[in-house]
Amino acid sequence: LNPNRNPSLTRSEIEQRLRDDLGLVDVLWLGDGLMHDHTDGHVDNLARFVAPGVLVIPEAAENDPNWLVYQRAAQAASAKDGIELVRIPSPGRVLRDDEIVPASYMNFYIGNAAVVVPLYGAPNDDAAVAAVQALFPDRAAVGLRADAILTGGGSFHCISQQVPA
């Protein structure tokens, strides 16, 4: 629903196109994207399906600029039948050159043997890797610094755009 996408379509019209074009039965609207998000609110910075019906959304860290975004998304997901909501830590307030950046652990890359979790030197980095590891017990969760990627927008999931096997 970002104004730079489909500006002439209503929410209902967008939902109908998704149903018609992709065969969707239901659409879950999670609300706004992260503060200062370079991607204009791509969902992969906010939430990820990790198994059928299992949706992961961050839990706000102390002094987190996105606490309300996370809260609203979690409320929307919790209100939807058939969705199991799992919360993992957020990186909280991450600054670069005194500006808040849209750092997110949600933009992890899922590979055949590993899940690569973006890290930012935040206090929750280790907890986020452990939480992602619990979601993917058959893969190794590996945390890697993603600061340089974030400055261009997004993170590992954005730059890989993998196709599931």
N, C-alpha and C. Protein backbone atom coordinates (compact mmCIF):
# COMPACT_ATOMS: atom_id res chain seq x y z
N LEU A 1 0.81 -1.21 0.00
CA LEU A 1 0.00 0.00 0.00
C LEU A 1 0.85 1.26 0.00
N ASN A 2 2.15 1.11 -0.17
CA ASN A 2 3.02 2.27 -0.24
C ASN A 2 2.57 3.14 -1.42
N PRO A 3 2.54 4.46 -1.27
CA PRO A 3 2.07 5.33 -2.35
C PRO A 3 2.84 5.19 -3.66
N ASN A 4 4.08 4.67 -3.62
CA ASN A 4 4.84 4.55 -4.87
C ASN A 4 4.52 3.25 -5.61
N ARG A 5 3.62 2.43 -5.08
CA ARG A 5 3.21 1.19 -5.73
C ARG A 5 1.70 1.21 -5.90
N ASN A 6 1.25 0.95 -7.09
CA ASN A 6 -0.18 0.84 -7.34
C ASN A 6 -0.99 2.00 -6.78
N PRO A 7 -0.59 3.24 -7.04
CA PRO A 7 -1.26 4.37 -6.40
C PRO A 7 -2.74 4.53 -6.78
N SER A 8 -3.14 3.96 -7.89
CA SER A 8 -4.54 4.11 -8.31
C SER A 8 -5.44 2.98 -7.79
N LEU A 9 -4.86 2.01 -7.08
CA LEU A 9 -5.65 0.87 -6.61
C LEU A 9 -5.96 0.99 -5.12
N THR A 10 -7.16 0.59 -4.75
CA THR A 10 -7.53 0.54 -3.34
C THR A 10 -6.99 -0.75 -2.73
N ARG A 11 -7.05 -0.84 -1.44
CA ARG A 11 -6.63 -2.05 -0.73
C ARG A 11 -7.43 -3.26 -1.24
N SER A 12 -8.72 -3.09 -1.39
CA SER A 12 -9.58 -4.18 -1.87
C SER A 12 -9.21 -4.60 -3.29
N GLU A 13 -8.89 -3.63 -4.14
CA GLU A 13 -8.50 -3.96 -5.52
C GLU A 13 -7.16 -4.70 -5.55
N ILE A 14 -6.24 -4.30 -4.69
CA ILE A 14 -4.95 -5.00 -4.61
C ILE A 14 -5.17 -6.44 -4.14
N GLU A 15 -6.00 -6.61 -3.12
CA GLU A 15 -6.29 -7.97 -2.64
C GLU A 15 -6.90 -8.82 -3.75
N GLN A 16 -7.81 -8.24 -4.52
CA GLN A 16 -8.45 -9.01 -5.59
C GLN A 16 -7.44 -9.41 -6.66
N ARG A 17 -6.54 -8.50 -6.99
CA ARG A 17 -5.50 -8.84 -7.98
C ARG A 17 -4.59 -9.95 -7.46
N LEU A 18 -4.25 -9.90 -6.20
CA LEU A 18 -3.43 -10.97 -5.62
C LEU A 18 -4.16 -12.30 -5.68
N ARG A 19 -5.45 -12.27 -5.42
CA ARG A 19 -6.24 -13.50 -5.51
C ARG A 19 -6.29 -14.01 -6.95
N ASP A 20 -6.56 -13.11 -7.87
CA ASP A 20 -6.70 -13.49 -9.28
C ASP A 20 -5.37 -13.94 -9.88
N ASP A 21 -4.31 -13.19 -9.63
CA ASP A 21 -3.02 -13.45 -10.28
C ASP A 21 -2.22 -14.57 -9.62
N LEU A 22 -2.35 -14.69 -8.30
CA LEU A 22 -1.54 -15.67 -7.57
C LEU A 22 -2.34 -16.80 -6.95
N GLY A 23 -3.65 -16.73 -7.06
CA GLY A 23 -4.48 -17.78 -6.49
C GLY A 23 -4.59 -17.72 -4.97
N LEU A 24 -4.30 -16.56 -4.39
CA LEU A 24 -4.37 -16.45 -2.94
C LEU A 24 -5.81 -16.54 -2.46
N VAL A 25 -5.97 -17.09 -1.28
CA VAL A 25 -7.28 -17.18 -0.66
C VAL A 25 -7.48 -16.03 0.32
N ASP A 26 -6.40 -15.69 1.04
CA ASP A 26 -6.50 -14.68 2.09
C ASP A 26 -5.24 -13.81 2.07
N VAL A 27 -5.37 -12.58 2.50
CA VAL A 27 -4.25 -11.65 2.57
C VAL A 27 -4.15 -11.13 3.99
N LEU A 28 -2.95 -11.13 4.54
CA LEU A 28 -2.70 -10.61 5.88
C LEU A 28 -1.95 -9.30 5.74
N TRP A 29 -2.56 -8.22 6.18
CA TRP A 29 -1.93 -6.90 6.14
C TRP A 29 -1.28 -6.64 7.49
N LEU A 30 0.03 -6.39 7.49
CA LEU A 30 0.78 -6.24 8.73
C LEU A 30 1.01 -4.79 9.12
N GLY A 31 0.71 -3.85 8.26
CA GLY A 31 0.91 -2.45 8.61
C GLY A 31 2.15 -1.88 7.96
N ASP A 32 2.73 -0.89 8.61
CA ASP A 32 3.86 -0.15 8.06
C ASP A 32 5.16 -0.93 8.15
N GLY A 33 6.12 -0.51 7.32
CA GLY A 33 7.47 -1.05 7.38
C GLY A 33 8.30 -0.34 8.44
N LEU A 34 9.57 -0.69 8.50
CA LEU A 34 10.46 -0.13 9.51
C LEU A 34 10.79 1.34 9.23
N MET A 35 11.12 2.04 10.30
CA MET A 35 11.52 3.45 10.18
C MET A 35 12.74 3.56 9.25
N HIS A 36 12.68 4.49 8.32
CA HIS A 36 13.76 4.79 7.37
C HIS A 36 14.09 3.62 6.45
N ASP A 37 13.13 2.74 6.23
CA ASP A 37 13.37 1.57 5.39
C ASP A 37 13.60 1.98 3.94
N HIS A 38 14.77 1.63 3.40
CA HIS A 38 15.12 1.97 2.01
C HIS A 38 14.23 1.27 1.00
N THR A 39 13.58 0.18 1.44
CA THR A 39 12.79 -0.64 0.51
C THR A 39 11.32 -0.22 0.49
N ASP A 40 10.99 0.87 1.15
CA ASP A 40 9.61 1.34 1.23
C ASP A 40 8.69 0.34 1.91
N GLY A 41 9.23 -0.40 2.86
CA GLY A 41 8.41 -1.28 3.67
C GLY A 41 8.29 -2.70 3.21
N HIS A 42 9.30 -3.24 2.53
CA HIS A 42 9.24 -4.65 2.14
C HIS A 42 9.03 -5.52 3.37
N VAL A 43 8.18 -6.51 3.23
CA VAL A 43 7.80 -7.34 4.36
C VAL A 43 8.96 -8.17 4.91
N ASP A 44 9.97 -8.47 4.10
CA ASP A 44 11.06 -9.33 4.58
C ASP A 44 11.94 -8.66 5.62
N ASN A 45 11.74 -7.39 5.89
CA ASN A 45 12.40 -6.73 7.02
C ASN A 45 11.54 -6.77 8.28
N LEU A 46 10.26 -7.12 8.12
CA LEU A 46 9.31 -7.09 9.22
C LEU A 46 8.87 -8.48 9.68
N ALA A 47 8.61 -9.37 8.74
CA ALA A 47 8.05 -10.67 9.10
C ALA A 47 8.45 -11.71 8.07
N ARG A 48 8.54 -12.96 8.53
CA ARG A 48 8.88 -14.06 7.62
C ARG A 48 8.09 -15.30 7.99
N PHE A 49 7.54 -15.96 7.00
CA PHE A 49 6.98 -17.28 7.21
C PHE A 49 8.15 -18.25 7.22
N VAL A 50 8.22 -19.08 8.27
CA VAL A 50 9.33 -20.04 8.40
C VAL A 50 8.85 -21.49 8.28
N ALA A 51 7.55 -21.68 8.23
CA ALA A 51 6.92 -22.98 8.03
C ALA A 51 5.46 -22.67 7.69
N PRO A 52 4.74 -23.63 7.16
CA PRO A 52 3.33 -23.35 6.86
C PRO A 52 2.58 -22.85 8.10
N GLY A 53 2.04 -21.65 7.99
CA GLY A 53 1.26 -21.07 9.08
C GLY A 53 2.06 -20.50 10.23
N VAL A 54 3.40 -20.53 10.15
CA VAL A 54 4.25 -20.03 11.24
C VAL A 54 4.92 -18.74 10.78
N LEU A 55 4.57 -17.64 11.44
CA LEU A 55 5.05 -16.32 11.07
C LEU A 55 5.91 -15.76 12.19
N VAL A 56 7.09 -15.26 11.83
CA VAL A 56 8.01 -14.68 12.80
C VAL A 56 7.99 -13.16 12.65
N ILE A 57 7.86 -12.48 13.78
CA ILE A 57 7.87 -11.02 13.84
C ILE A 57 8.76 -10.63 15.01
N PRO A 58 9.55 -9.57 14.87
CA PRO A 58 10.43 -9.17 15.98
C PRO A 58 9.67 -8.71 17.22
N GLU A 59 10.33 -8.92 18.35
CA GLU A 59 9.90 -8.37 19.63
C GLU A 59 10.80 -7.17 19.88
N ALA A 60 10.20 -6.03 20.14
CA ALA A 60 10.97 -4.79 20.27
C ALA A 60 11.98 -4.86 21.41
N ALA A 61 13.17 -4.35 21.14
CA ALA A 61 14.18 -4.17 22.16
C ALA A 61 13.90 -2.86 22.90
N GLU A 62 14.59 -2.66 24.00
CA GLU A 62 14.43 -1.41 24.74
C GLU A 62 14.83 -0.23 23.85
N ASN A 63 14.04 0.82 23.88
CA ASN A 63 14.32 2.04 23.11
C ASN A 63 14.31 1.77 21.60
N ASP A 64 13.45 0.86 21.17
CA ASP A 64 13.37 0.45 19.76
C ASP A 64 12.50 1.42 18.98
N PRO A 65 13.02 2.02 17.90
CA PRO A 65 12.21 2.97 17.14
C PRO A 65 11.06 2.30 16.38
N ASN A 66 11.10 0.98 16.26
CA ASN A 66 10.06 0.26 15.52
C ASN A 66 9.10 -0.51 16.42
N TRP A 67 9.07 -0.18 17.70
CA TRP A 67 8.24 -0.94 18.63
C TRP A 67 6.78 -0.96 18.22
N LEU A 68 6.26 0.16 17.77
CA LEU A 68 4.84 0.21 17.39
C LEU A 68 4.58 -0.58 16.10
N VAL A 69 5.52 -0.54 15.16
CA VAL A 69 5.41 -1.33 13.93
C VAL A 69 5.32 -2.81 14.27
N TYR A 70 6.21 -3.27 15.15
CA TYR A 70 6.21 -4.67 15.55
C TYR A 70 4.92 -5.04 16.30
N GLN A 71 4.49 -4.15 17.18
CA GLN A 71 3.28 -4.41 17.96
C GLN A 71 2.06 -4.53 17.05
N ARG A 72 1.92 -3.62 16.11
CA ARG A 72 0.76 -3.66 15.21
C ARG A 72 0.80 -4.90 14.30
N ALA A 73 1.97 -5.24 13.81
CA ALA A 73 2.09 -6.43 12.96
C ALA A 73 1.74 -7.69 13.75
N ALA A 74 2.23 -7.78 14.97
CA ALA A 74 1.94 -8.95 15.81
C ALA A 74 0.45 -9.04 16.12
N GLN A 75 -0.18 -7.91 16.38
CA GLN A 75 -1.62 -7.91 16.64
C GLN A 75 -2.40 -8.38 15.42
N ALA A 76 -2.02 -7.91 14.25
CA ALA A 76 -2.70 -8.32 13.01
C ALA A 76 -2.53 -9.82 12.79
N ALA A 77 -1.32 -10.32 12.99
CA ALA A 77 -1.06 -11.74 12.79
C ALA A 77 -1.81 -12.59 13.82
N SER A 78 -1.84 -12.14 15.05
CA SER A 78 -2.52 -12.89 16.11
C SER A 78 -4.03 -12.97 15.87
N ALA A 79 -4.58 -11.98 15.21
CA ALA A 79 -6.01 -11.95 14.95
C ALA A 79 -6.42 -12.83 13.78
N LYS A 80 -5.46 -13.34 13.03
CA LYS A 80 -5.73 -14.14 11.83
C LYS A 80 -5.74 -15.61 12.19
N ASP A 81 -6.84 -16.29 11.87
CA ASP A 81 -6.94 -17.73 12.11
C ASP A 81 -5.88 -18.47 11.29
N GLY A 82 -5.31 -19.50 11.89
CA GLY A 82 -4.36 -20.34 11.18
C GLY A 82 -2.93 -19.84 11.20
N ILE A 83 -2.66 -18.74 11.92
CA ILE A 83 -1.30 -18.20 12.01
C ILE A 83 -0.75 -18.45 13.41
N GLU A 84 0.39 -19.13 13.48
CA GLU A 84 1.12 -19.26 14.73
C GLU A 84 2.19 -18.18 14.73
N LEU A 85 2.14 -17.30 15.71
CA LEU A 85 3.08 -16.19 15.79
C LEU A 85 4.25 -16.56 16.69
N VAL A 86 5.47 -16.35 16.17
CA VAL A 86 6.70 -16.56 16.93
C VAL A 86 7.42 -15.21 16.96
N ARG A 87 7.93 -14.85 18.11
CA ARG A 87 8.65 -13.58 18.25
C ARG A 87 10.14 -13.87 18.46
N ILE A 88 10.98 -13.09 17.79
CA ILE A 88 12.43 -13.15 18.04
C ILE A 88 12.88 -11.73 18.36
N PRO A 89 14.04 -11.57 18.99
CA PRO A 89 14.48 -10.23 19.36
C PRO A 89 14.72 -9.35 18.13
N SER A 90 14.58 -8.07 18.33
CA SER A 90 14.97 -7.11 17.30
C SER A 90 16.34 -6.54 17.67
N PRO A 91 17.03 -5.94 16.70
CA PRO A 91 18.31 -5.32 17.05
C PRO A 91 18.13 -4.03 17.84
N GLY A 92 16.92 -3.50 17.86
CA GLY A 92 16.69 -2.24 18.57
C GLY A 92 17.18 -1.06 17.76
N ARG A 93 17.49 -0.01 18.46
CA ARG A 93 17.96 1.23 17.80
C ARG A 93 19.40 1.03 17.31
N VAL A 94 19.58 1.05 16.00
CA VAL A 94 20.91 0.94 15.40
C VAL A 94 21.17 2.23 14.65
N LEU A 95 22.29 2.87 14.98
CA LEU A 95 22.63 4.16 14.38
C LEU A 95 23.85 4.04 13.48
N ARG A 96 23.84 4.76 12.38
CA ARG A 96 24.99 4.93 11.50
C ARG A 96 25.06 6.42 11.19
N ASP A 97 26.18 7.04 11.52
CA ASP A 97 26.34 8.49 11.35
C ASP A 97 25.20 9.24 12.03
N ASP A 98 24.87 8.81 13.25
CA ASP A 98 23.84 9.42 14.09
C ASP A 98 22.43 9.35 13.51
N GLU A 99 22.22 8.49 12.52
CA GLU A 99 20.89 8.30 11.92
C GLU A 99 20.40 6.89 12.23
N ILE A 100 19.11 6.76 12.52
CA ILE A 100 18.51 5.45 12.73
C ILE A 100 18.44 4.73 11.40
N VAL A 101 18.93 3.48 11.37
CA VAL A 101 18.88 2.67 10.15
C VAL A 101 17.91 1.51 10.37
N PRO A 102 17.32 0.98 9.29
CA PRO A 102 16.32 -0.08 9.41
C PRO A 102 16.95 -1.47 9.57
N ALA A 103 17.73 -1.63 10.61
CA ALA A 103 18.38 -2.92 10.87
C ALA A 103 17.33 -3.94 11.27
N SER A 104 17.43 -5.14 10.71
CA SER A 104 16.46 -6.18 11.00
C SER A 104 17.11 -7.56 10.90
N TYR A 105 16.86 -8.38 11.89
CA TYR A 105 17.31 -9.77 11.83
C TYR A 105 16.42 -10.60 10.92
N MET A 106 15.26 -10.07 10.55
CA MET A 106 14.30 -10.81 9.74
C MET A 106 14.79 -11.05 8.32
N ASN A 107 15.73 -10.27 7.87
CA ASN A 107 16.18 -10.38 6.49
C ASN A 107 17.26 -11.45 6.34
N PHE A 108 17.03 -12.58 7.02
CA PHE A 108 17.96 -13.70 6.94
C PHE A 108 17.81 -14.45 5.62
N TYR A 109 18.89 -15.10 5.22
CA TYR A 109 18.92 -15.92 4.01
C TYR A 109 18.82 -17.38 4.42
N ILE A 110 17.90 -18.12 3.80
CA ILE A 110 17.73 -19.54 4.09
C ILE A 110 18.38 -20.35 2.98
N GLY A 111 19.46 -21.06 3.32
CA GLY A 111 20.13 -21.94 2.37
C GLY A 111 19.83 -23.39 2.70
N ASN A 112 20.35 -24.29 1.91
CA ASN A 112 20.10 -25.72 2.13
C ASN A 112 20.67 -26.22 3.45
N ALA A 113 21.84 -25.71 3.84
CA ALA A 113 22.49 -26.20 5.06
C ALA A 113 22.61 -25.15 6.15
N ALA A 114 22.35 -23.89 5.82
CA ALA A 114 22.55 -22.81 6.79
C ALA A 114 21.51 -21.71 6.61
N VAL A 115 21.34 -20.95 7.66
CA VAL A 115 20.54 -19.73 7.63
C VAL A 115 21.49 -18.61 8.04
N VAL A 116 21.67 -17.62 7.18
CA VAL A 116 22.59 -16.53 7.45
C VAL A 116 21.79 -15.35 8.01
N VAL A 117 22.13 -14.98 9.24
CA VAL A 117 21.40 -13.94 9.97
C VAL A 117 22.22 -12.65 9.95
N PRO A 118 21.62 -11.53 9.52
CA PRO A 118 22.35 -10.27 9.52
C PRO A 118 22.59 -9.77 10.95
N LEU A 119 23.80 -9.30 11.20
CA LEU A 119 24.18 -8.75 12.51
C LEU A 119 24.62 -7.30 12.35
N TYR A 120 24.49 -6.53 13.46
CA TYR A 120 24.78 -5.10 13.39
C TYR A 120 25.63 -4.59 14.55
N GLY A 121 26.19 -5.52 15.35
CA GLY A 121 26.92 -5.09 16.53
C GLY A 121 25.97 -4.63 17.62
N ALA A 122 24.73 -5.12 17.59
CA ALA A 122 23.71 -4.76 18.57
C ALA A 122 23.71 -5.76 19.72
N PRO A 123 23.22 -5.36 20.88
CA PRO A 123 23.21 -6.27 22.03
C PRO A 123 22.45 -7.58 21.80
N ASN A 124 21.45 -7.59 20.92
CA ASN A 124 20.66 -8.80 20.68
C ASN A 124 21.19 -9.68 19.56
N ASP A 125 22.35 -9.38 19.01
CA ASP A 125 22.87 -10.18 17.89
C ASP A 125 22.92 -11.67 18.22
N ASP A 126 23.54 -12.04 19.34
CA ASP A 126 23.67 -13.46 19.69
C ASP A 126 22.30 -14.10 19.96
N ALA A 127 21.42 -13.36 20.63
CA ALA A 127 20.08 -13.88 20.93
C ALA A 127 19.29 -14.11 19.64
N ALA A 128 19.47 -13.25 18.67
CA ALA A 128 18.76 -13.41 17.39
C ALA A 128 19.25 -14.64 16.64
N VAL A 129 20.55 -14.88 16.63
CA VAL A 129 21.08 -16.07 15.97
C VAL A 129 20.54 -17.32 16.66
N ALA A 130 20.51 -17.32 17.99
CA ALA A 130 19.98 -18.47 18.74
C ALA A 130 18.49 -18.67 18.43
N ALA A 131 17.73 -17.58 18.33
CA ALA A 131 16.30 -17.70 18.04
C ALA A 131 16.06 -18.24 16.63
N VAL A 132 16.86 -17.79 15.67
CA VAL A 132 16.73 -18.30 14.31
C VAL A 132 17.16 -19.76 14.26
N GLN A 133 18.19 -20.12 15.00
CA GLN A 133 18.62 -21.51 15.06
C GLN A 133 17.47 -22.41 15.55
N ALA A 134 16.72 -21.95 16.53
CA ALA A 134 15.59 -22.73 17.06
C ALA A 134 14.50 -22.91 16.00
N LEU A 135 14.38 -21.96 15.09
CA LEU A 135 13.37 -22.05 14.03
C LEU A 135 13.78 -23.03 12.92
N PHE A 136 15.09 -23.22 12.76
CA PHE A 136 15.62 -24.07 11.69
C PHE A 136 16.60 -25.09 12.28
N PRO A 137 16.12 -26.06 13.05
CA PRO A 137 17.03 -26.99 13.72
C PRO A 137 17.82 -27.88 12.78
N ASP A 138 17.39 -28.00 11.53
CA ASP A 138 18.10 -28.84 10.57
C ASP A 138 19.15 -28.08 9.77
N ARG A 139 19.35 -26.81 10.10
CA ARG A 139 20.35 -25.98 9.43
C ARG A 139 21.19 -25.28 10.49
N ALA A 140 22.37 -24.84 10.12
CA ALA A 140 23.21 -24.07 11.04
C ALA A 140 22.88 -22.59 10.88
N ALA A 141 22.53 -21.94 11.97
CA ALA A 141 22.31 -20.49 11.94
C ALA A 141 23.67 -19.80 12.11
N VAL A 142 24.00 -18.95 11.16
CA VAL A 142 25.29 -18.26 11.15
C VAL A 142 25.04 -16.77 11.10
N GLY A 143 25.60 -16.04 12.03
CA GLY A 143 25.46 -14.59 12.04
C GLY A 143 26.64 -13.94 11.34
N LEU A 144 26.36 -13.01 10.44
CA LEU A 144 27.40 -12.25 9.75
C LEU A 144 27.04 -10.77 9.78
N ARG A 145 28.05 -9.93 9.93
CA ARG A 145 27.81 -8.49 9.91
C ARG A 145 27.23 -8.07 8.57
N ALA A 146 26.24 -7.20 8.62
CA ALA A 146 25.53 -6.78 7.42
C ALA A 146 25.48 -5.26 7.27
N ASP A 147 26.32 -4.56 7.99
CA ASP A 147 26.31 -3.10 7.95
C ASP A 147 26.46 -2.53 6.54
N ALA A 148 27.41 -3.06 5.80
CA ALA A 148 27.67 -2.53 4.45
C ALA A 148 26.49 -2.77 3.52
N ILE A 149 25.87 -3.94 3.64
CA ILE A 149 24.70 -4.23 2.81
C ILE A 149 23.55 -3.31 3.18
N LEU A 150 23.36 -3.09 4.48
CA LEU A 150 22.26 -2.26 4.95
C LEU A 150 22.35 -0.84 4.42
N THR A 151 23.54 -0.32 4.26
CA THR A 151 23.67 1.05 3.76
C THR A 151 23.12 1.19 2.34
N GLY A 152 23.08 0.08 1.59
CA GLY A 152 22.50 0.11 0.25
C GLY A 152 21.04 -0.27 0.23
N GLY A 153 20.52 -0.72 1.37
CA GLY A 153 19.12 -1.12 1.49
C GLY A 153 18.96 -2.61 1.56
N GLY A 154 18.29 -3.09 2.59
CA GLY A 154 18.01 -4.51 2.73
C GLY A 154 19.15 -5.26 3.39
N SER A 155 19.18 -6.57 3.15
CA SER A 155 20.23 -7.41 3.71
C SER A 155 20.34 -8.71 2.91
N PHE A 156 20.72 -9.80 3.56
CA PHE A 156 21.06 -11.04 2.85
C PHE A 156 19.90 -11.60 2.02
N HIS A 157 18.70 -11.59 2.57
CA HIS A 157 17.55 -12.09 1.81
C HIS A 157 17.32 -11.23 0.58
N CYS A 158 17.41 -9.93 0.73
CA CYS A 158 17.19 -9.01 -0.40
C CYS A 158 18.19 -9.24 -1.52
N ILE A 159 19.44 -9.44 -1.19
CA ILE A 159 20.44 -9.54 -2.24
C ILE A 159 20.51 -10.93 -2.85
N SER A 160 19.91 -11.91 -2.19
CA SER A 160 19.99 -13.27 -2.72
C SER A 160 18.76 -13.65 -3.54
N GLN A 161 17.58 -13.25 -3.08
CA GLN A 161 16.32 -13.59 -3.74
C GLN A 161 16.31 -15.03 -4.20
N GLN A 162 16.59 -15.92 -3.25
CA GLN A 162 16.67 -17.35 -3.52
C GLN A 162 15.31 -17.92 -3.92
N VAL A 163 15.36 -19.03 -4.62
CA VAL A 163 14.17 -19.76 -5.00
C VAL A 163 14.20 -21.07 -4.21
N PRO A 164 13.15 -21.36 -3.42
CA PRO A 164 13.17 -22.60 -2.62
C PRO A 164 13.28 -23.83 -3.51
N ALA A 165 14.02 -24.82 -3.02
CA ALA A 165 14.18 -26.08 -3.76
C ALA A 165 12.95 -26.94 -3.62
